[in-house]
Every structure is written in C-alpha cells, then in structure tokens.
Amino acid sequence: MKLSGGKKITLLVLSLLIIDQIVKFWIKTNMTIGESIPVFGDWFQIYFIENNGMAFGMQFGGELGKLALSLFRIVLIGFIIYYLRNLVRTKAPSGVLYGVSLILVGAVGNVIDSMFYGIIFSESTFTQVAQLFPPEGGYTSFLHGKVVDMLYFPIIDTTLPDWVPFFGGEKFVFFRPIFNIADSCITIGVTYLLIFKRGYFSKEAKA
C-alpha cells in the first residue's frame, strides 16, 4: 500500500522521536553524569551530560529562563506542525517536507525532556544512575526537566605547544559541544534547507 505524503512525514517524525527517546532513556538509566563510553577510539564517545538550556548545551537564564524556553518551544512546535501541514496540502517538494520534519523532530524531542523527565526520573549524579518512576517522585516539576545529551566528537584533543601565543600549554579540544539526536535533526534539517532548498523559500516569499 502506497503511503500518502502526510503519512510518510508522520512515520518519519515518530520513528526518529522514538529512537531519540530510547537512546535518552538508556543513557539516563545506565550511566552517571560525566561517564563516557568510547565508540570509535577517542574521537567519538557516548558522554552523558544534562543541560537546562538550548541545543549543544547552551544556557538560557535560570529557572525562569528554563520555563520561558520550554513554553517557547511548545509554541514553536505548534507553528511548525501548522506550517508542515500546509506544505503537505500544497504538495511542496519532498526535500522541503523532510527538512522541516527534521526540525520538528528536534523541537519535540528536546521539549519532551523538559516536560516529563523531571517528573518520571530521579536525578542523575556523578555517582548515581537515575531511576525511572522513583517512589519518592521525580527530581523537579513539569517543564523544568533537564535535556539529555550524549554525542561527543572530540576530533582533536591535544595540549598546545608552549610556543603558541597566549594559549601555550593549554588543552585544546575540537569539537567540544555534546549534543543529542534531536539536536542533530535540527542541524541537519536547517542546513539542508539553507543549502539545497533556499530557492523554494525565495519563490514562496515573492509569491
């Protein structure tokens, strides 16, 4: 049976969200904060951290900033869903549909962490693995959960020579950010649309 464009998009979004959440659940219930598992030598690691902010561990204020960011994400998700439905209805190119779908996956994947992880998990620490549905309740309230990150690519990890001005003897790491599958979906979706589908949006703007 041939699937319609809308069903294909729905299947893609749900599949990636499930993968994102399965990985995060495994990390939360099997690793402590700061624990690292080498995947391909030292340049690709599963390195568990949590953050209260935006993608790639960036921060956005304290508790009030966290709440504002979570609410903004929910509003943004509503807009993306509305926009994506219009794209499907007007039979936009499949590349545009998939690019926007990836952005939606990223937004939903991380807001799930913020909405529910503080309620259903105990707190992860440097010595204690989190427990799912702890008897004493979760570590924080609705919309205040921490986002789980785990993908780390320190492609270059070295100490700079002493002769380097200002930074001689300092540790240098490239690439430092630690992120998750949802972050990757946003990055891939935005990059793809900017590089390959910019002409489509230019025509839409003129129209």
N, C-alpha and C. Protein backbone atom coordinates (compact mmCIF):
# COMPACT_ATOMS: atom_id res chain seq x y z
N MET A 1 0.84 -1.19 0.00
CA MET A 1 0.00 0.00 0.00
C MET A 1 0.88 1.25 0.00
N LYS A 2 0.60 2.16 -0.93
CA LYS A 2 1.40 3.37 -1.05
C LYS A 2 0.95 4.39 -0.02
N LEU A 3 1.91 4.92 0.73
CA LEU A 3 1.58 5.91 1.76
C LEU A 3 1.51 7.29 1.16
N SER A 4 0.59 8.11 1.66
CA SER A 4 0.50 9.50 1.23
C SER A 4 1.65 10.30 1.82
N GLY A 5 1.83 11.51 1.28
CA GLY A 5 2.92 12.36 1.78
C GLY A 5 2.80 12.65 3.26
N GLY A 6 1.58 12.92 3.72
CA GLY A 6 1.37 13.21 5.14
C GLY A 6 1.71 12.03 6.02
N LYS A 7 1.35 10.81 5.58
CA LYS A 7 1.63 9.61 6.37
C LYS A 7 3.13 9.32 6.41
N LYS A 8 3.82 9.57 5.29
CA LYS A 8 5.26 9.37 5.27
C LYS A 8 5.95 10.31 6.25
N ILE A 9 5.51 11.56 6.27
CA ILE A 9 6.09 12.54 7.19
C ILE A 9 5.82 12.14 8.64
N THR A 10 4.59 11.72 8.91
CA THR A 10 4.23 11.29 10.27
C THR A 10 5.08 10.11 10.71
N LEU A 11 5.27 9.14 9.80
CA LEU A 11 6.07 7.96 10.12
C LEU A 11 7.53 8.34 10.39
N LEU A 12 8.07 9.25 9.58
CA LEU A 12 9.45 9.70 9.77
C LEU A 12 9.62 10.38 11.12
N VAL A 13 8.71 11.30 11.44
CA VAL A 13 8.80 12.05 12.69
C VAL A 13 8.69 11.11 13.89
N LEU A 14 7.71 10.22 13.88
CA LEU A 14 7.52 9.30 15.00
C LEU A 14 8.70 8.35 15.16
N SER A 15 9.24 7.86 14.05
CA SER A 15 10.37 6.92 14.11
C SER A 15 11.58 7.58 14.75
N LEU A 16 11.91 8.80 14.30
CA LEU A 16 13.08 9.49 14.85
C LEU A 16 12.87 9.88 16.30
N LEU A 17 11.65 10.27 16.66
CA LEU A 17 11.36 10.59 18.06
C LEU A 17 11.53 9.38 18.96
N ILE A 18 11.06 8.23 18.49
CA ILE A 18 11.19 7.00 19.28
C ILE A 18 12.66 6.66 19.48
N ILE A 19 13.45 6.76 18.41
CA ILE A 19 14.89 6.48 18.52
C ILE A 19 15.54 7.45 19.51
N ASP A 20 15.21 8.73 19.38
CA ASP A 20 15.77 9.75 20.28
C ASP A 20 15.46 9.42 21.74
N GLN A 21 14.21 9.06 22.02
CA GLN A 21 13.81 8.81 23.40
C GLN A 21 14.35 7.48 23.93
N ILE A 22 14.44 6.47 23.08
CA ILE A 22 15.02 5.20 23.53
C ILE A 22 16.47 5.41 23.97
N VAL A 23 17.23 6.14 23.15
CA VAL A 23 18.63 6.41 23.49
C VAL A 23 18.72 7.19 24.80
N LYS A 24 17.90 8.20 24.97
CA LYS A 24 17.94 9.02 26.19
C LYS A 24 17.54 8.20 27.42
N PHE A 25 16.52 7.37 27.29
CA PHE A 25 16.11 6.52 28.41
C PHE A 25 17.25 5.58 28.81
N TRP A 26 17.92 5.01 27.82
CA TRP A 26 19.02 4.10 28.13
C TRP A 26 20.15 4.84 28.84
N ILE A 27 20.47 6.01 28.34
CA ILE A 27 21.54 6.81 28.96
C ILE A 27 21.18 7.14 30.41
N LYS A 28 19.95 7.61 30.63
CA LYS A 28 19.53 8.01 31.98
C LYS A 28 19.57 6.85 32.96
N THR A 29 19.21 5.66 32.52
CA THR A 29 19.08 4.54 33.45
C THR A 29 20.30 3.62 33.48
N ASN A 30 21.35 3.99 32.74
CA ASN A 30 22.54 3.15 32.72
C ASN A 30 23.85 3.89 32.94
N MET A 31 23.83 5.22 32.91
CA MET A 31 25.08 5.98 33.02
C MET A 31 24.95 7.08 34.06
N THR A 32 26.06 7.42 34.68
CA THR A 32 26.12 8.55 35.60
C THR A 32 26.60 9.78 34.85
N ILE A 33 26.35 10.95 35.41
CA ILE A 33 26.79 12.20 34.80
C ILE A 33 28.32 12.18 34.63
N GLY A 34 28.78 12.53 33.44
CA GLY A 34 30.22 12.56 33.17
C GLY A 34 30.80 11.23 32.74
N GLU A 35 30.01 10.16 32.76
CA GLU A 35 30.52 8.86 32.34
C GLU A 35 30.65 8.84 30.81
N SER A 36 31.70 8.20 30.34
CA SER A 36 31.98 8.18 28.91
C SER A 36 32.20 6.75 28.42
N ILE A 37 31.66 6.46 27.24
CA ILE A 37 31.86 5.16 26.59
C ILE A 37 32.48 5.41 25.21
N PRO A 38 33.73 5.02 24.98
CA PRO A 38 34.33 5.20 23.65
C PRO A 38 33.59 4.35 22.61
N VAL A 39 33.34 4.94 21.45
CA VAL A 39 32.69 4.23 20.36
C VAL A 39 33.69 3.92 19.26
N PHE A 40 34.33 4.95 18.74
CA PHE A 40 35.40 4.78 17.76
C PHE A 40 36.64 5.49 18.30
N GLY A 41 37.42 4.78 19.09
CA GLY A 41 38.58 5.40 19.72
C GLY A 41 38.16 6.53 20.63
N ASP A 42 38.95 7.61 20.64
CA ASP A 42 38.63 8.76 21.49
C ASP A 42 37.87 9.84 20.76
N TRP A 43 37.77 9.74 19.42
CA TRP A 43 37.18 10.86 18.67
C TRP A 43 35.66 10.80 18.60
N PHE A 44 35.03 9.68 18.98
CA PHE A 44 33.58 9.61 19.10
C PHE A 44 33.25 8.86 20.38
N GLN A 45 32.57 9.55 21.30
CA GLN A 45 32.24 8.98 22.59
C GLN A 45 30.76 9.20 22.91
N ILE A 46 30.20 8.27 23.67
CA ILE A 46 28.92 8.50 24.34
C ILE A 46 29.26 9.09 25.70
N TYR A 47 29.01 10.37 25.86
CA TYR A 47 29.43 11.11 27.06
C TYR A 47 28.18 11.78 27.64
N PHE A 48 27.76 11.31 28.81
CA PHE A 48 26.48 11.74 29.38
C PHE A 48 26.59 13.05 30.15
N ILE A 49 25.84 14.05 29.68
CA ILE A 49 25.66 15.28 30.44
C ILE A 49 24.19 15.68 30.33
N GLU A 50 23.78 16.63 31.15
CA GLU A 50 22.44 17.20 31.06
C GLU A 50 22.58 18.72 31.05
N ASN A 51 21.60 19.39 30.45
CA ASN A 51 21.64 20.85 30.46
C ASN A 51 20.23 21.41 30.60
N ASN A 52 20.17 22.65 31.08
CA ASN A 52 18.90 23.33 31.28
C ASN A 52 18.54 24.24 30.12
N GLY A 53 19.40 24.27 29.11
CA GLY A 53 19.23 25.29 28.09
C GLY A 53 18.90 24.77 26.72
N MET A 54 19.56 25.38 25.75
CA MET A 54 19.23 25.14 24.35
C MET A 54 20.11 24.03 23.79
N ALA A 55 20.09 23.91 22.46
CA ALA A 55 20.85 22.87 21.80
C ALA A 55 22.34 23.02 22.07
N PHE A 56 23.05 21.90 22.07
CA PHE A 56 24.50 21.85 22.27
C PHE A 56 24.93 22.38 23.63
N GLY A 57 24.03 22.32 24.62
CA GLY A 57 24.39 22.67 25.99
C GLY A 57 24.38 24.15 26.30
N MET A 58 23.96 25.00 25.38
CA MET A 58 23.91 26.43 25.66
C MET A 58 22.83 26.72 26.70
N GLN A 59 23.09 27.73 27.53
CA GLN A 59 22.19 28.03 28.62
C GLN A 59 21.30 29.22 28.30
N PHE A 60 20.16 29.33 29.01
CA PHE A 60 19.22 30.42 28.80
C PHE A 60 18.63 30.82 30.14
N GLY A 61 19.40 31.56 30.94
CA GLY A 61 18.91 32.02 32.22
C GLY A 61 18.78 30.91 33.25
N GLY A 62 18.11 31.22 34.36
CA GLY A 62 17.90 30.25 35.43
C GLY A 62 16.58 29.52 35.26
N GLU A 63 15.86 29.31 36.37
CA GLU A 63 14.60 28.59 36.33
C GLU A 63 13.56 29.31 35.48
N LEU A 64 13.52 30.65 35.59
CA LEU A 64 12.56 31.42 34.79
C LEU A 64 12.91 31.32 33.31
N GLY A 65 14.20 31.39 33.00
CA GLY A 65 14.63 31.24 31.62
C GLY A 65 14.30 29.87 31.07
N LYS A 66 14.47 28.85 31.92
CA LYS A 66 14.15 27.48 31.52
C LYS A 66 12.66 27.34 31.19
N LEU A 67 11.81 27.92 32.04
CA LEU A 67 10.37 27.86 31.81
C LEU A 67 10.00 28.59 30.53
N ALA A 68 10.59 29.78 30.34
CA ALA A 68 10.30 30.57 29.14
C ALA A 68 10.72 29.81 27.88
N LEU A 69 11.88 29.17 27.95
CA LEU A 69 12.37 28.41 26.80
C LEU A 69 11.46 27.23 26.49
N SER A 70 11.00 26.53 27.52
CA SER A 70 10.11 25.39 27.31
C SER A 70 8.79 25.83 26.68
N LEU A 71 8.23 26.94 27.17
CA LEU A 71 6.98 27.44 26.62
C LEU A 71 7.16 27.91 25.18
N PHE A 72 8.30 28.55 24.92
CA PHE A 72 8.59 28.99 23.55
C PHE A 72 8.67 27.80 22.61
N ARG A 73 9.31 26.74 23.07
CA ARG A 73 9.43 25.54 22.23
C ARG A 73 8.06 24.96 21.91
N ILE A 74 7.15 24.95 22.89
CA ILE A 74 5.83 24.40 22.66
C ILE A 74 5.08 25.22 21.61
N VAL A 75 5.17 26.56 21.72
CA VAL A 75 4.53 27.44 20.72
C VAL A 75 5.16 27.20 19.35
N LEU A 76 6.49 27.08 19.32
CA LEU A 76 7.19 26.85 18.06
C LEU A 76 6.78 25.52 17.42
N ILE A 77 6.62 24.49 18.24
CA ILE A 77 6.18 23.19 17.72
C ILE A 77 4.81 23.31 17.07
N GLY A 78 3.90 24.04 17.73
CA GLY A 78 2.57 24.25 17.15
C GLY A 78 2.65 24.94 15.79
N PHE A 79 3.53 25.94 15.69
CA PHE A 79 3.69 26.66 14.42
C PHE A 79 4.27 25.74 13.35
N ILE A 80 5.29 24.94 13.71
CA ILE A 80 5.92 24.05 12.73
C ILE A 80 4.92 23.02 12.22
N ILE A 81 4.12 22.46 13.11
CA ILE A 81 3.11 21.47 12.70
C ILE A 81 2.12 22.11 11.74
N TYR A 82 1.67 23.32 12.07
CA TYR A 82 0.72 24.03 11.19
C TYR A 82 1.36 24.30 9.83
N TYR A 83 2.60 24.75 9.83
CA TYR A 83 3.30 25.05 8.58
C TYR A 83 3.54 23.79 7.76
N LEU A 84 3.91 22.71 8.45
CA LEU A 84 4.18 21.46 7.76
C LEU A 84 2.91 20.90 7.12
N ARG A 85 1.79 21.03 7.79
CA ARG A 85 0.51 20.58 7.22
C ARG A 85 0.18 21.36 5.96
N ASN A 86 0.46 22.65 5.96
CA ASN A 86 0.22 23.46 4.77
C ASN A 86 1.15 23.04 3.62
N LEU A 87 2.39 22.71 3.97
CA LEU A 87 3.32 22.26 2.94
C LEU A 87 2.85 20.96 2.30
N VAL A 88 2.35 20.05 3.14
CA VAL A 88 1.83 18.78 2.62
C VAL A 88 0.61 19.04 1.74
N ARG A 89 -0.28 19.91 2.20
CA ARG A 89 -1.51 20.21 1.46
C ARG A 89 -1.22 20.83 0.10
N THR A 90 -0.20 21.70 0.03
CA THR A 90 0.13 22.37 -1.23
C THR A 90 1.13 21.58 -2.06
N LYS A 91 1.42 20.35 -1.62
CA LYS A 91 2.32 19.45 -2.35
C LYS A 91 3.70 20.07 -2.58
N ALA A 92 4.29 20.55 -1.50
CA ALA A 92 5.65 21.09 -1.55
C ALA A 92 6.64 19.97 -1.90
N PRO A 93 7.81 20.30 -2.42
CA PRO A 93 8.81 19.27 -2.74
C PRO A 93 9.14 18.40 -1.54
N SER A 94 9.39 17.13 -1.79
CA SER A 94 9.65 16.19 -0.69
C SER A 94 10.84 16.62 0.15
N GLY A 95 11.87 17.19 -0.48
CA GLY A 95 13.03 17.65 0.28
C GLY A 95 12.68 18.71 1.30
N VAL A 96 11.78 19.63 0.93
CA VAL A 96 11.32 20.66 1.86
C VAL A 96 10.56 20.02 3.02
N LEU A 97 9.69 19.07 2.69
CA LEU A 97 8.91 18.40 3.72
C LEU A 97 9.81 17.67 4.72
N TYR A 98 10.81 16.96 4.21
CA TYR A 98 11.69 16.21 5.11
C TYR A 98 12.57 17.14 5.92
N GLY A 99 13.01 18.24 5.33
CA GLY A 99 13.84 19.19 6.08
C GLY A 99 13.08 19.80 7.24
N VAL A 100 11.86 20.25 6.98
CA VAL A 100 11.03 20.83 8.05
C VAL A 100 10.66 19.76 9.08
N SER A 101 10.45 18.53 8.61
CA SER A 101 10.13 17.44 9.54
C SER A 101 11.27 17.18 10.51
N LEU A 102 12.51 17.25 10.04
CA LEU A 102 13.66 17.07 10.93
C LEU A 102 13.72 18.15 12.00
N ILE A 103 13.39 19.38 11.60
CA ILE A 103 13.37 20.47 12.58
C ILE A 103 12.29 20.21 13.63
N LEU A 104 11.15 19.71 13.18
CA LEU A 104 10.07 19.37 14.11
C LEU A 104 10.51 18.28 15.08
N VAL A 105 11.18 17.25 14.58
CA VAL A 105 11.68 16.17 15.45
C VAL A 105 12.59 16.74 16.54
N GLY A 106 13.50 17.64 16.14
CA GLY A 106 14.42 18.22 17.11
C GLY A 106 13.70 19.01 18.19
N ALA A 107 12.73 19.80 17.77
CA ALA A 107 11.99 20.62 18.74
C ALA A 107 11.19 19.76 19.71
N VAL A 108 10.49 18.75 19.17
CA VAL A 108 9.66 17.89 20.02
C VAL A 108 10.54 17.02 20.92
N GLY A 109 11.62 16.47 20.35
CA GLY A 109 12.48 15.58 21.13
C GLY A 109 13.02 16.22 22.39
N ASN A 110 13.47 17.46 22.29
CA ASN A 110 14.03 18.12 23.46
C ASN A 110 12.96 18.65 24.42
N VAL A 111 11.80 19.04 23.88
CA VAL A 111 10.76 19.53 24.78
C VAL A 111 10.15 18.39 25.60
N ILE A 112 10.20 17.16 25.07
CA ILE A 112 9.74 16.01 25.87
C ILE A 112 10.60 15.88 27.12
N ASP A 113 11.92 16.05 26.97
CA ASP A 113 12.81 16.01 28.13
C ASP A 113 12.39 17.05 29.16
N SER A 114 12.18 18.28 28.68
CA SER A 114 11.84 19.38 29.59
C SER A 114 10.50 19.15 30.28
N MET A 115 9.55 18.62 29.55
CA MET A 115 8.21 18.45 30.10
C MET A 115 8.12 17.31 31.12
N PHE A 116 8.74 16.17 30.82
CA PHE A 116 8.45 14.96 31.59
C PHE A 116 9.61 14.35 32.37
N TYR A 117 10.86 14.59 31.95
CA TYR A 117 11.97 13.88 32.59
C TYR A 117 12.11 14.22 34.07
N GLY A 118 11.82 15.46 34.42
CA GLY A 118 11.91 15.85 35.83
C GLY A 118 10.86 15.17 36.69
N ILE A 119 9.79 14.69 36.06
CA ILE A 119 8.69 14.04 36.78
C ILE A 119 8.90 12.53 36.89
N ILE A 120 9.42 11.92 35.82
CA ILE A 120 9.48 10.45 35.78
C ILE A 120 10.82 9.87 36.19
N PHE A 121 11.87 10.72 36.28
CA PHE A 121 13.19 10.23 36.66
C PHE A 121 13.66 10.83 37.97
N SER A 122 14.43 10.06 38.75
CA SER A 122 15.19 10.65 39.84
C SER A 122 16.40 11.34 39.24
N GLU A 123 17.07 12.15 40.02
CA GLU A 123 18.18 12.95 39.46
C GLU A 123 19.41 12.09 39.16
N SER A 124 20.02 12.34 38.01
CA SER A 124 21.29 11.72 37.68
C SER A 124 22.41 12.51 38.35
N THR A 125 23.38 11.81 38.93
CA THR A 125 24.51 12.48 39.57
C THR A 125 25.81 11.85 39.05
N PHE A 126 26.93 12.35 39.58
CA PHE A 126 28.22 11.80 39.19
C PHE A 126 28.45 10.40 39.75
N THR A 127 27.63 10.02 40.73
CA THR A 127 27.81 8.69 41.36
C THR A 127 26.57 7.81 41.30
N GLN A 128 25.43 8.38 40.90
CA GLN A 128 24.17 7.64 40.96
C GLN A 128 23.45 7.66 39.62
N VAL A 129 23.07 6.47 39.15
CA VAL A 129 22.27 6.36 37.93
C VAL A 129 20.82 6.70 38.25
N ALA A 130 20.13 7.39 37.35
CA ALA A 130 18.75 7.77 37.59
C ALA A 130 17.83 6.56 37.61
N GLN A 131 16.76 6.67 38.37
CA GLN A 131 15.75 5.62 38.45
C GLN A 131 14.48 6.09 37.76
N LEU A 132 13.87 5.23 36.95
CA LEU A 132 12.62 5.56 36.29
C LEU A 132 11.46 5.33 37.26
N PHE A 133 10.59 6.32 37.36
CA PHE A 133 9.45 6.31 38.28
C PHE A 133 9.88 5.99 39.71
N PRO A 134 10.74 6.83 40.29
CA PRO A 134 11.18 6.58 41.68
C PRO A 134 10.02 6.75 42.66
N PRO A 135 9.99 5.97 43.74
CA PRO A 135 8.88 6.05 44.71
C PRO A 135 8.72 7.44 45.31
N GLU A 136 9.83 8.15 45.49
CA GLU A 136 9.77 9.48 46.10
C GLU A 136 9.42 10.58 45.10
N GLY A 137 9.24 10.22 43.85
CA GLY A 137 8.91 11.20 42.82
C GLY A 137 10.13 11.68 42.07
N GLY A 138 9.90 12.46 41.03
CA GLY A 138 10.98 12.94 40.18
C GLY A 138 11.79 14.05 40.83
N TYR A 139 12.79 14.52 40.08
CA TYR A 139 13.74 15.49 40.65
C TYR A 139 13.30 16.94 40.48
N THR A 140 12.25 17.20 39.68
CA THR A 140 11.77 18.57 39.53
C THR A 140 10.35 18.54 38.99
N SER A 141 9.83 19.71 38.63
CA SER A 141 8.44 19.83 38.23
C SER A 141 8.28 19.84 36.71
N PHE A 142 7.03 19.86 36.28
CA PHE A 142 6.67 19.88 34.87
C PHE A 142 7.31 21.08 34.17
N LEU A 143 7.87 20.85 32.99
CA LEU A 143 8.51 21.87 32.15
C LEU A 143 9.89 22.31 32.65
N HIS A 144 10.39 21.68 33.71
CA HIS A 144 11.69 22.07 34.25
C HIS A 144 12.73 20.94 34.16
N GLY A 145 12.41 19.89 33.43
CA GLY A 145 13.35 18.79 33.30
C GLY A 145 14.58 19.18 32.49
N LYS A 146 15.67 18.45 32.71
CA LYS A 146 16.92 18.71 32.00
C LYS A 146 16.97 17.89 30.71
N VAL A 147 17.60 18.49 29.70
CA VAL A 147 17.74 17.81 28.41
C VAL A 147 18.96 16.90 28.45
N VAL A 148 18.80 15.67 27.98
CA VAL A 148 19.87 14.67 28.00
C VAL A 148 20.70 14.79 26.72
N ASP A 149 22.01 14.93 26.87
CA ASP A 149 22.95 14.98 25.75
C ASP A 149 23.97 13.86 25.91
N MET A 150 24.46 13.35 24.76
CA MET A 150 25.39 12.21 24.87
C MET A 150 26.36 12.04 23.70
N LEU A 151 26.17 12.72 22.60
CA LEU A 151 27.03 12.54 21.43
C LEU A 151 28.19 13.53 21.48
N TYR A 152 29.40 12.99 21.54
CA TYR A 152 30.60 13.83 21.74
C TYR A 152 31.66 13.44 20.72
N PHE A 153 32.14 14.42 19.98
CA PHE A 153 33.12 14.18 18.93
C PHE A 153 34.37 15.05 19.13
N PRO A 154 35.21 14.71 20.12
CA PRO A 154 36.46 15.47 20.31
C PRO A 154 37.50 15.04 19.28
N ILE A 155 37.28 15.46 18.03
CA ILE A 155 38.11 15.00 16.91
C ILE A 155 39.58 15.34 17.15
N ILE A 156 39.82 16.53 17.72
CA ILE A 156 41.18 16.92 18.10
C ILE A 156 41.19 17.17 19.61
N ASP A 157 42.00 16.45 20.32
CA ASP A 157 42.11 16.61 21.77
C ASP A 157 43.59 16.56 22.12
N THR A 158 44.17 17.75 22.32
CA THR A 158 45.61 17.81 22.50
C THR A 158 45.99 18.98 23.40
N THR A 159 47.24 19.06 23.76
CA THR A 159 47.79 20.20 24.51
C THR A 159 48.62 21.05 23.55
N LEU A 160 48.33 22.33 23.51
CA LEU A 160 49.02 23.22 22.58
C LEU A 160 50.48 23.39 22.98
N PRO A 161 51.38 23.49 22.02
CA PRO A 161 52.80 23.69 22.32
C PRO A 161 53.04 24.99 23.08
N ASP A 162 54.11 25.04 23.82
CA ASP A 162 54.41 26.21 24.64
C ASP A 162 54.63 27.47 23.82
N TRP A 163 55.04 27.31 22.54
CA TRP A 163 55.33 28.48 21.73
C TRP A 163 54.08 29.18 21.18
N VAL A 164 52.89 28.58 21.36
CA VAL A 164 51.66 29.21 20.88
C VAL A 164 51.34 30.43 21.76
N PRO A 165 51.24 31.63 21.16
CA PRO A 165 50.97 32.85 21.95
C PRO A 165 49.69 32.75 22.77
N PHE A 166 49.78 33.14 24.04
CA PHE A 166 48.65 33.24 24.97
C PHE A 166 48.07 31.89 25.40
N PHE A 167 48.13 30.87 24.54
CA PHE A 167 47.47 29.61 24.85
C PHE A 167 48.44 28.43 24.94
N GLY A 168 49.75 28.72 24.95
CA GLY A 168 50.73 27.64 25.05
C GLY A 168 50.55 26.82 26.31
N GLY A 169 50.56 25.50 26.17
CA GLY A 169 50.38 24.61 27.30
C GLY A 169 48.94 24.35 27.68
N GLU A 170 48.00 25.06 27.02
CA GLU A 170 46.57 24.87 27.32
C GLU A 170 46.02 23.67 26.55
N LYS A 171 45.00 23.06 27.12
CA LYS A 171 44.33 21.93 26.46
C LYS A 171 43.42 22.47 25.35
N PHE A 172 43.47 21.86 24.19
CA PHE A 172 42.65 22.27 23.06
C PHE A 172 41.82 21.08 22.58
N VAL A 173 40.48 21.30 22.49
CA VAL A 173 39.58 20.25 22.05
C VAL A 173 38.72 20.78 20.91
N PHE A 174 38.66 20.02 19.82
CA PHE A 174 37.77 20.32 18.71
C PHE A 174 37.13 18.98 18.28
N PHE A 175 35.90 18.80 18.47
CA PHE A 175 34.76 19.67 18.57
C PHE A 175 34.19 19.50 19.99
N ARG A 176 33.99 20.58 20.76
CA ARG A 176 33.63 20.48 22.17
C ARG A 176 32.15 20.18 22.46
N PRO A 177 31.21 20.73 21.69
CA PRO A 177 29.79 20.54 22.07
C PRO A 177 29.39 19.08 22.20
N ILE A 178 28.54 18.82 23.20
CA ILE A 178 27.94 17.50 23.39
C ILE A 178 26.45 17.67 23.12
N PHE A 179 25.88 16.82 22.27
CA PHE A 179 24.52 17.03 21.82
C PHE A 179 23.78 15.70 21.76
N ASN A 180 22.55 15.73 21.25
CA ASN A 180 21.75 14.51 21.17
C ASN A 180 21.17 14.35 19.77
N ILE A 181 20.39 13.31 19.57
CA ILE A 181 19.83 13.03 18.25
C ILE A 181 18.88 14.13 17.81
N ALA A 182 18.09 14.66 18.74
CA ALA A 182 17.16 15.75 18.40
C ALA A 182 17.93 16.97 17.90
N ASP A 183 19.03 17.33 18.59
CA ASP A 183 19.86 18.44 18.14
C ASP A 183 20.37 18.19 16.73
N SER A 184 20.79 16.95 16.47
CA SER A 184 21.31 16.59 15.15
C SER A 184 20.24 16.78 14.07
N CYS A 185 19.01 16.40 14.39
CA CYS A 185 17.93 16.56 13.42
C CYS A 185 17.71 18.03 13.06
N ILE A 186 17.74 18.90 14.06
CA ILE A 186 17.58 20.33 13.79
C ILE A 186 18.71 20.83 12.89
N THR A 187 19.94 20.48 13.24
CA THR A 187 21.09 20.93 12.47
C THR A 187 21.04 20.43 11.04
N ILE A 188 20.74 19.16 10.86
CA ILE A 188 20.67 18.58 9.51
C ILE A 188 19.53 19.22 8.72
N GLY A 189 18.36 19.37 9.34
CA GLY A 189 17.21 19.94 8.65
C GLY A 189 17.46 21.37 8.20
N VAL A 190 17.97 22.21 9.11
CA VAL A 190 18.22 23.61 8.78
C VAL A 190 19.31 23.72 7.70
N THR A 191 20.40 22.96 7.87
CA THR A 191 21.50 23.02 6.91
C THR A 191 21.04 22.58 5.52
N TYR A 192 20.27 21.51 5.46
CA TYR A 192 19.77 21.02 4.18
C TYR A 192 18.89 22.06 3.49
N LEU A 193 17.97 22.66 4.25
CA LEU A 193 17.08 23.65 3.66
C LEU A 193 17.83 24.88 3.17
N LEU A 194 18.82 25.33 3.94
CA LEU A 194 19.59 26.51 3.55
C LEU A 194 20.43 26.26 2.30
N ILE A 195 20.99 25.07 2.20
CA ILE A 195 21.89 24.79 1.08
C ILE A 195 21.13 24.38 -0.18
N PHE A 196 20.15 23.49 -0.03
CA PHE A 196 19.53 22.88 -1.20
C PHE A 196 18.13 23.41 -1.53
N LYS A 197 17.44 24.01 -0.56
CA LYS A 197 16.05 24.41 -0.81
C LYS A 197 15.81 25.90 -0.57
N ARG A 198 16.87 26.67 -0.57
CA ARG A 198 16.71 28.11 -0.35
C ARG A 198 15.89 28.75 -1.47
N GLY A 199 16.07 28.24 -2.70
CA GLY A 199 15.32 28.78 -3.83
C GLY A 199 13.82 28.63 -3.67
N TYR A 200 13.39 27.50 -3.06
CA TYR A 200 11.96 27.29 -2.86
C TYR A 200 11.35 28.36 -1.96
N PHE A 201 12.03 28.66 -0.86
CA PHE A 201 11.51 29.65 0.07
C PHE A 201 11.59 31.06 -0.51
N SER A 202 12.58 31.31 -1.36
CA SER A 202 12.66 32.61 -2.03
C SER A 202 11.46 32.82 -2.95
N LYS A 203 11.08 31.76 -3.69
CA LYS A 203 9.92 31.85 -4.57
C LYS A 203 8.65 32.03 -3.75
N GLU A 204 8.55 31.33 -2.61
CA GLU A 204 7.37 31.46 -1.76
C GLU A 204 7.25 32.87 -1.21
N ALA A 205 8.38 33.46 -0.83
CA ALA A 205 8.37 34.82 -0.29
C ALA A 205 7.91 35.81 -1.35
N LYS A 206 8.38 35.64 -2.59
CA LYS A 206 7.96 36.54 -3.67
C LYS A 206 6.47 36.38 -3.97
N ALA A 207 6.01 35.13 -3.94
CA ALA A 207 4.60 34.88 -4.20
C ALA A 207 3.71 35.52 -3.13
